[in-house]
Structure formats: structure tokens, C-alpha cells
Amino acid sequence: MWAYESVFYQIYPMGFCGAPWENDGETVNRVKKIGDWAEHITSVGCNALYLSPVFESDSHGYDTRDFRKIDGRLGTNADFAAVCRRLHDAGIRIVLDGVFNHVGRGFWAFRDVQQKKWDSPYKDWFHISFDGNSNYNDGFWYEGWEGHYELVKLNLRNEAVIRHIFDCIRGWVEEFDIDGLRLDVAYSLDRDFMRRLRAFCDGLKPDFFLVGEVMSSDCSPFLQDDMLHACTNYDCYKGLYSSFNSMNLFEITHSLQRQFGPEYWTLYKGKHLLSFVDNHD
């Protein structure tokens, strides 16, 4: 697996490209700037790029409106495809943010529910009760991610939702030739969905990489042959932070020994974590 030997660079496109915070509906090719940085990315020793959300959203990218369309604040699908070709030509692999736990209130299927209520064919795409009301007075209650009601939780046990997500991923591979996905809040995703996602992606493209955002001190439940290739290593990040800011070298030593030490009981023998010195969070 190429990712196990790679050094990743991360870009949060909305901020990096100077996009407006709120989606203003205008289409501007700002995403070209990412392609312009290909030489810099390779010059610092990186050969893979993790891009935070690039798809149409209400605001920050994690409140998706449409998985099939690049956010107009960044440009068009063709603009992004040109950036991906430029990155690949420079030898840089591309991992996109897969935000499948929740969508924004502007997501096309949720808007249909807002308009048609019970009559919407998409009402089962979400966790909805028509016996209550939302903080936005929609006339129905819905589950928001961890109490954030601008982020509408998807029903990942609904076959139509799963088909839609898989069709979009297939489209990303065909249109942009992406090399993997970073699963946002993987710790909140339905485990059966992740297993099906892994099987689907394994058949989509050789060595398609799946890494999950997991903040637990034990990622083992996710690092299975039928689930994720890797998880984010927050223990390592915290240890590095303490080393530089508190002169606490014990924490990083303890974390890495616990994870990959020589003893038989260490957590991740034969497994892989994505260690990082910083990220957008």
C-alpha cells in the first residue's frame, strides 16, 4: 500500500484559496492555487496530499450540499480535475475528505424533505420524527451530529443513501482519479457501512486508501482487514505538542511505546496509523 510509505501534506481548500466563509453562489476558479503549490509540496518531501472538503457546501465544507459538484467558491469540476492532473503529474497522490456522517441543511435531499415533509421520497435518508420540531422550526425533528443541528446526520443504514454515496465516490475516481479517502468522524460512522465501503473501494481502484478520523486512545476496532487501512494518530500528536510546548518528553515516548513498542502486548503490531504534527482541527 503506497500510503504506508508516504508523507502527507494537508490543505484546507476553503481557507487556503481565500474562499468566502458563506457560499455566495458565485463560481470562481480559486482551486487553481492548489495546483500551483505542487512544486512546493514535493520540495518539502511530501508525495501525498490530503484535501479537506472541496464539494458544494453551505459554509465551511463539512456541511455538504452536493457530493457531485465542486464548491463554486473553489471553481468547477473541470477546474478541480485540472488541479488533480497537475498534482498527479508531480507524483502526488490525492486523498479527499469523505464527509459521510452528516450533511448541511442545504443538502438537496434534506431540502426536499423540508418542502414535502411526509411526501418526500428522501425522508428516510435522515433520522427524522414528524412528531416534533427542530431548532429551525422545520415542522419535524431530526438528529444533528453531536447536537450541531446545522449538520444533519445521514441514515447510513438506508440502501438509497449508501448507493448515492458509492455512486459519488465512483464518480470522483472517474473524474478526478483520486487515490483515497479520509473518513470524517469515522468513530461516529456505522460499522457495517464502513465494511461495505471498504469492500466497494477495494473493487474500485487498486490500493485505494481509507483512513479514518478516530480520536480514541485505542483505534484497534477500526483497524480491521475489512474496515480501515489506517486511523489518525491523535496520541502521537498530543505527545508531540507536549514535547515542544511543555518540555514533556515522557508523553510522546510512552505513547509510541504503547502503540508500536517491542513488547507483545502493544496495540498496533502490523497495523498503521497516520501520525501528524498538525491539522485543520
Protein backbone atom coordinates (compact mmCIF):
# COMPACT_ATOMS: atom_id res chain seq x y z
CA MET A 1 0.00 0.00 0.00
CA TRP A 2 1.54 3.26 -1.21
CA ALA A 3 0.13 5.27 1.71
CA TYR A 4 2.20 3.41 4.32
CA GLU A 5 5.38 4.85 2.80
CA SER A 6 4.03 8.32 2.02
CA VAL A 7 4.49 11.72 3.63
CA PHE A 8 1.25 13.71 3.58
CA TYR A 9 0.69 17.42 3.16
CA GLN A 10 -2.72 18.78 4.16
CA ILE A 11 -4.59 21.72 2.67
CA TYR A 12 -7.92 23.12 3.83
CA PRO A 13 -9.03 24.46 0.43
CA MET A 14 -11.66 26.95 1.58
CA GLY A 15 -9.17 28.84 3.72
CA PHE A 16 -6.08 28.22 1.62
CA CYS A 17 -7.75 29.51 -1.54
CA GLY A 18 -9.35 32.53 0.16
CA ALA A 19 -12.97 31.46 -0.39
CA PRO A 20 -15.76 33.46 1.30
CA TRP A 21 -16.96 31.87 4.56
CA GLU A 22 -20.58 31.68 3.37
CA ASN A 23 -21.48 30.20 0.00
CA ASP A 24 -22.30 33.24 -2.12
CA GLY A 25 -23.39 31.24 -5.18
CA GLU A 26 -20.63 32.64 -7.39
CA THR A 27 -18.23 30.38 -9.28
CA VAL A 28 -14.58 31.46 -9.14
CA ASN A 29 -11.57 29.29 -10.05
CA ARG A 30 -9.70 29.63 -6.77
CA VAL A 31 -8.75 25.95 -6.60
CA LYS A 32 -6.03 26.52 -9.22
CA LYS A 33 -3.83 27.79 -6.37
CA ILE A 34 -3.53 24.24 -5.04
CA GLY A 35 -2.03 23.07 -8.32
CA ASP A 36 0.39 25.98 -8.19
CA TRP A 37 1.76 24.56 -4.93
CA ALA A 38 2.68 21.16 -6.37
CA GLU A 39 6.37 22.06 -6.60
CA HIS A 40 6.43 23.32 -3.01
CA ILE A 41 4.69 20.18 -1.73
CA THR A 42 7.29 17.92 -3.31
CA SER A 43 10.16 20.22 -2.30
CA VAL A 44 9.39 19.67 1.40
CA GLY A 45 9.44 15.90 0.91
CA CYS A 46 5.72 15.18 0.60
CA ASN A 47 4.28 12.86 -2.01
CA ALA A 48 0.62 12.73 -0.96
CA LEU A 49 -1.96 15.45 -0.40
CA TYR A 50 -4.96 15.26 1.91
CA LEU A 51 -7.56 17.83 0.91
CA SER A 52 -10.24 18.90 3.35
CA PRO A 53 -13.75 19.27 1.82
CA VAL A 54 -13.99 20.52 -1.75
CA PHE A 55 -17.65 19.79 -2.53
CA GLU A 56 -20.55 22.22 -2.59
CA SER A 57 -21.46 23.24 0.95
CA ASP A 58 -23.30 25.85 2.97
CA SER A 59 -20.20 27.27 4.64
CA HIS A 60 -17.04 25.53 5.90
CA GLY A 61 -17.17 22.41 3.74
CA TYR A 62 -18.36 19.89 6.31
CA ASP A 63 -21.97 20.99 5.75
CA THR A 64 -22.30 19.49 2.27
CA ARG A 65 -24.96 20.49 -0.22
CA ASP A 66 -23.97 18.19 -3.08
CA PHE A 67 -21.32 15.46 -3.24
CA ARG A 68 -21.33 15.61 -7.05
CA LYS A 69 -20.27 19.22 -7.50
CA ILE A 70 -17.11 21.11 -6.56
CA ASP A 71 -17.96 24.13 -4.42
CA GLY A 72 -18.41 27.13 -6.71
CA ARG A 73 -16.22 29.20 -4.38
CA LEU A 74 -13.36 26.94 -5.49
CA GLY A 75 -14.34 26.58 -9.14
CA THR A 76 -15.89 23.93 -11.36
CA ASN A 77 -15.44 20.17 -11.59
CA ALA A 78 -13.27 20.77 -14.65
CA ASP A 79 -11.10 23.23 -12.70
CA PHE A 80 -10.55 20.67 -9.95
CA ALA A 81 -9.86 17.88 -12.44
CA ALA A 82 -7.10 20.05 -13.94
CA VAL A 83 -5.58 20.50 -10.46
CA CYS A 84 -5.68 16.74 -9.84
CA ARG A 85 -3.91 16.07 -13.14
CA ARG A 86 -1.23 18.59 -12.23
CA LEU A 87 -0.71 17.01 -8.81
CA HIS A 88 -0.54 13.51 -10.25
CA ASP A 89 1.94 14.67 -12.89
CA ALA A 90 4.12 15.86 -9.99
CA GLY A 91 3.94 12.41 -8.38
CA ILE A 92 1.49 13.46 -5.65
CA ARG A 93 -1.32 11.12 -4.59
CA ILE A 94 -4.67 12.68 -3.67
CA VAL A 95 -6.87 11.82 -0.68
CA LEU A 96 -10.19 13.63 -0.33
CA ASP A 97 -12.27 14.24 2.78
CA GLY A 98 -15.19 11.80 2.81
CA VAL A 99 -17.84 13.53 4.92
CA PHE A 100 -20.49 10.81 5.09
CA ASN A 101 -21.72 11.06 8.67
CA HIS A 102 -23.69 14.25 8.09
CA VAL A 103 -24.59 16.88 5.52
CA GLY A 104 -25.63 20.52 5.65
CA ARG A 105 -29.17 21.84 5.86
CA GLY A 106 -28.72 22.90 2.25
CA PHE A 107 -28.19 19.29 1.10
CA TRP A 108 -30.50 18.72 -1.85
CA ALA A 109 -32.33 15.71 -0.34
CA PHE A 110 -32.87 17.44 3.01
CA ARG A 111 -34.32 20.47 1.25
CA ASP A 112 -36.79 18.16 -0.45
CA VAL A 113 -37.88 16.90 2.98
CA GLN A 114 -38.26 20.49 4.20
CA GLN A 115 -40.57 21.22 1.28
CA LYS A 116 -42.60 17.99 1.07
CA LYS A 117 -42.40 16.62 4.63
CA TRP A 118 -44.05 13.14 4.71
CA ASP A 119 -44.35 13.09 0.92
CA SER A 120 -40.61 13.39 0.32
CA PRO A 121 -39.00 10.20 -1.04
CA TYR A 122 -35.87 11.20 0.92
CA LYS A 123 -37.38 11.38 4.41
CA ASP A 124 -35.73 8.07 5.36
CA TRP A 125 -32.30 9.34 4.32
CA PHE A 126 -32.17 11.05 7.72
CA HIS A 127 -33.17 10.34 11.32
CA ILE A 128 -36.46 12.25 11.37
CA SER A 129 -39.56 12.39 13.56
CA PHE A 130 -42.65 14.25 12.40
CA ASP A 131 -43.92 14.24 15.99
CA GLY A 132 -41.51 17.00 16.98
CA ASN A 133 -39.90 20.17 15.69
CA SER A 134 -36.36 21.35 15.04
CA ASN A 135 -34.43 24.33 16.34
CA TYR A 136 -35.06 25.86 12.91
CA ASN A 137 -38.86 25.32 13.08
CA ASP A 138 -38.88 22.89 10.14
CA GLY A 139 -42.06 21.20 11.34
CA PHE A 140 -40.18 17.99 12.13
CA TRP A 141 -37.35 16.87 14.42
CA TYR A 142 -34.10 15.48 13.03
CA GLU A 143 -30.85 14.25 14.50
CA GLY A 144 -27.92 16.61 14.22
CA TRP A 145 -24.36 15.44 14.68
CA GLU A 146 -23.47 15.72 18.38
CA GLY A 147 -26.12 18.38 18.87
CA HIS A 148 -25.00 20.55 15.95
CA TYR A 149 -28.24 20.94 14.03
CA GLU A 150 -26.63 22.68 11.09
CA LEU A 151 -25.10 19.23 10.44
CA VAL A 152 -27.88 16.78 9.55
CA LYS A 153 -26.98 13.18 10.34
CA LEU A 154 -27.36 10.74 7.44
CA ASN A 155 -29.05 7.36 7.86
CA LEU A 156 -26.19 5.08 6.83
CA ARG A 157 -28.42 2.01 7.10
CA ASN A 158 -30.60 3.26 4.26
CA GLU A 159 -29.77 1.49 0.99
CA ALA A 160 -30.55 4.53 -1.15
CA VAL A 161 -28.14 6.66 0.90
CA ILE A 162 -25.40 4.05 0.58
CA ARG A 163 -25.95 3.74 -3.18
CA HIS A 164 -25.79 7.52 -3.56
CA ILE A 165 -22.53 7.77 -1.62
CA PHE A 166 -20.94 4.90 -3.53
CA ASP A 167 -22.04 6.36 -6.87
CA CYS A 168 -20.44 9.68 -5.89
CA ILE A 169 -17.16 8.00 -4.89
CA ARG A 170 -17.11 6.14 -8.20
CA GLY A 171 -17.62 9.47 -9.93
CA TRP A 172 -14.72 11.03 -8.01
CA VAL A 173 -12.41 8.25 -9.14
CA GLU A 174 -13.56 8.51 -12.75
CA GLU A 175 -13.49 12.32 -12.92
CA PHE A 176 -10.58 13.19 -10.61
CA ASP A 177 -8.69 9.87 -10.30
CA ILE A 178 -8.43 10.23 -6.52
CA ASP A 179 -6.32 7.74 -4.58
CA GLY A 180 -8.15 7.52 -1.27
CA LEU A 181 -10.48 8.99 1.31
CA ARG A 182 -10.12 10.35 4.81
CA LEU A 183 -13.36 9.50 6.60
CA ASP A 184 -14.53 12.42 8.69
CA VAL A 185 -15.61 11.46 12.24
CA ALA A 186 -15.08 7.79 11.43
CA TYR A 187 -15.70 6.99 15.08
CA SER A 188 -19.35 8.03 14.55
CA LEU A 189 -19.93 6.05 11.36
CA ASP A 190 -21.97 2.87 11.25
CA ARG A 191 -19.50 -0.05 11.33
CA ASP A 192 -21.42 -2.09 8.76
CA PHE A 193 -21.35 0.92 6.43
CA MET A 194 -17.57 1.12 6.80
CA ARG A 195 -17.21 -2.57 5.96
CA ARG A 196 -19.32 -2.14 2.85
CA LEU A 197 -17.37 0.98 1.93
CA ARG A 198 -14.07 -0.91 2.22
CA ALA A 199 -15.35 -3.75 0.01
CA PHE A 200 -16.65 -1.26 -2.55
CA CYS A 201 -13.43 0.76 -2.66
CA ASP A 202 -11.25 -2.36 -2.85
CA GLY A 203 -13.04 -3.21 -6.10
CA LEU A 204 -12.95 0.34 -7.41
CA LYS A 205 -9.24 1.01 -7.73
CA PRO A 206 -6.10 -0.90 -6.69
CA ASP A 207 -4.62 0.31 -3.39
CA PHE A 208 -7.44 2.77 -2.74
CA PHE A 209 -6.60 4.13 0.72
CA LEU A 210 -9.09 4.56 3.56
CA VAL A 211 -8.00 6.43 6.69
CA GLY A 212 -10.44 7.30 9.46
CA GLU A 213 -10.58 10.22 11.85
CA VAL A 214 -10.55 8.47 15.23
CA MET A 215 -9.68 10.32 18.43
CA SER A 216 -9.83 7.31 20.74
CA SER A 217 -6.71 6.14 22.57
CA ASP A 218 -7.32 2.70 21.03
CA CYS A 219 -8.07 2.61 17.30
CA SER A 220 -7.89 -1.20 17.11
CA PRO A 221 -11.63 -1.76 16.48
CA PHE A 222 -11.33 0.21 13.24
CA LEU A 223 -8.04 -1.27 12.03
CA GLN A 224 -9.52 -4.49 10.69
CA ASP A 225 -8.87 -6.10 7.32
CA ASP A 226 -12.46 -5.38 6.30
CA MET A 227 -12.59 -1.79 7.58
CA LEU A 228 -9.84 0.87 7.53
CA HIS A 229 -6.23 0.79 6.40
CA ALA A 230 -5.26 3.40 9.00
CA CYS A 231 -6.55 5.85 11.60
CA THR A 232 -5.39 9.28 12.69
CA ASN A 233 -2.82 9.15 15.49
CA TYR A 234 -4.02 11.76 17.96
CA ASP A 235 -1.99 10.25 20.81
CA CYS A 236 1.18 10.95 18.84
CA TYR A 237 0.02 14.48 18.02
CA LYS A 238 -0.69 15.21 21.69
CA GLY A 239 2.70 13.80 22.67
CA LEU A 240 4.49 15.95 20.10
CA TYR A 241 2.57 19.03 21.26
CA SER A 242 3.56 18.41 24.88
CA SER A 243 7.17 17.78 23.90
CA PHE A 244 7.52 21.16 22.23
CA ASN A 245 5.26 23.24 24.46
CA SER A 246 5.69 21.71 27.92
CA MET A 247 9.09 20.02 27.51
CA ASN A 248 7.26 16.81 28.44
CA LEU A 249 9.14 14.11 26.55
CA PHE A 250 7.64 11.31 28.64
CA GLU A 251 4.25 11.54 26.94
CA ILE A 252 5.47 11.02 23.37
CA THR A 253 7.79 8.20 24.46
CA HIS A 254 5.01 6.48 26.39
CA SER A 255 2.51 6.88 23.53
CA LEU A 256 4.78 5.41 20.86
CA GLN A 257 5.99 2.58 23.09
CA ARG A 258 2.36 1.72 23.90
CA GLN A 259 1.48 1.74 20.22
CA PHE A 260 4.49 0.19 18.49
CA GLY A 261 6.93 -0.92 21.22
CA PRO A 262 8.79 -4.26 21.18
CA GLU A 263 6.51 -5.94 23.74
CA TYR A 264 3.94 -8.46 22.52
CA TRP A 265 1.05 -6.52 24.08
CA THR A 266 1.50 -3.25 22.18
CA LEU A 267 -1.61 -2.02 20.39
CA TYR A 268 -0.75 -1.82 16.73
CA LYS A 269 1.71 -4.52 15.72
CA GLY A 270 1.34 -4.95 11.97
CA LYS A 271 -1.11 -2.03 11.81
CA HIS A 272 -0.76 1.52 10.53
CA LEU A 273 -1.63 4.96 11.89
CA LEU A 274 -1.44 8.33 10.16
CA SER A 275 0.74 10.37 12.50
CA PHE A 276 0.72 14.13 12.09
CA VAL A 277 2.26 17.25 13.58
CA ASP A 278 -0.84 19.41 12.98
CA ASN A 279 -4.12 19.55 11.09
CA HIS A 280 -7.10 21.82 10.46
CA ASP A 281 -8.76 20.88 13.78
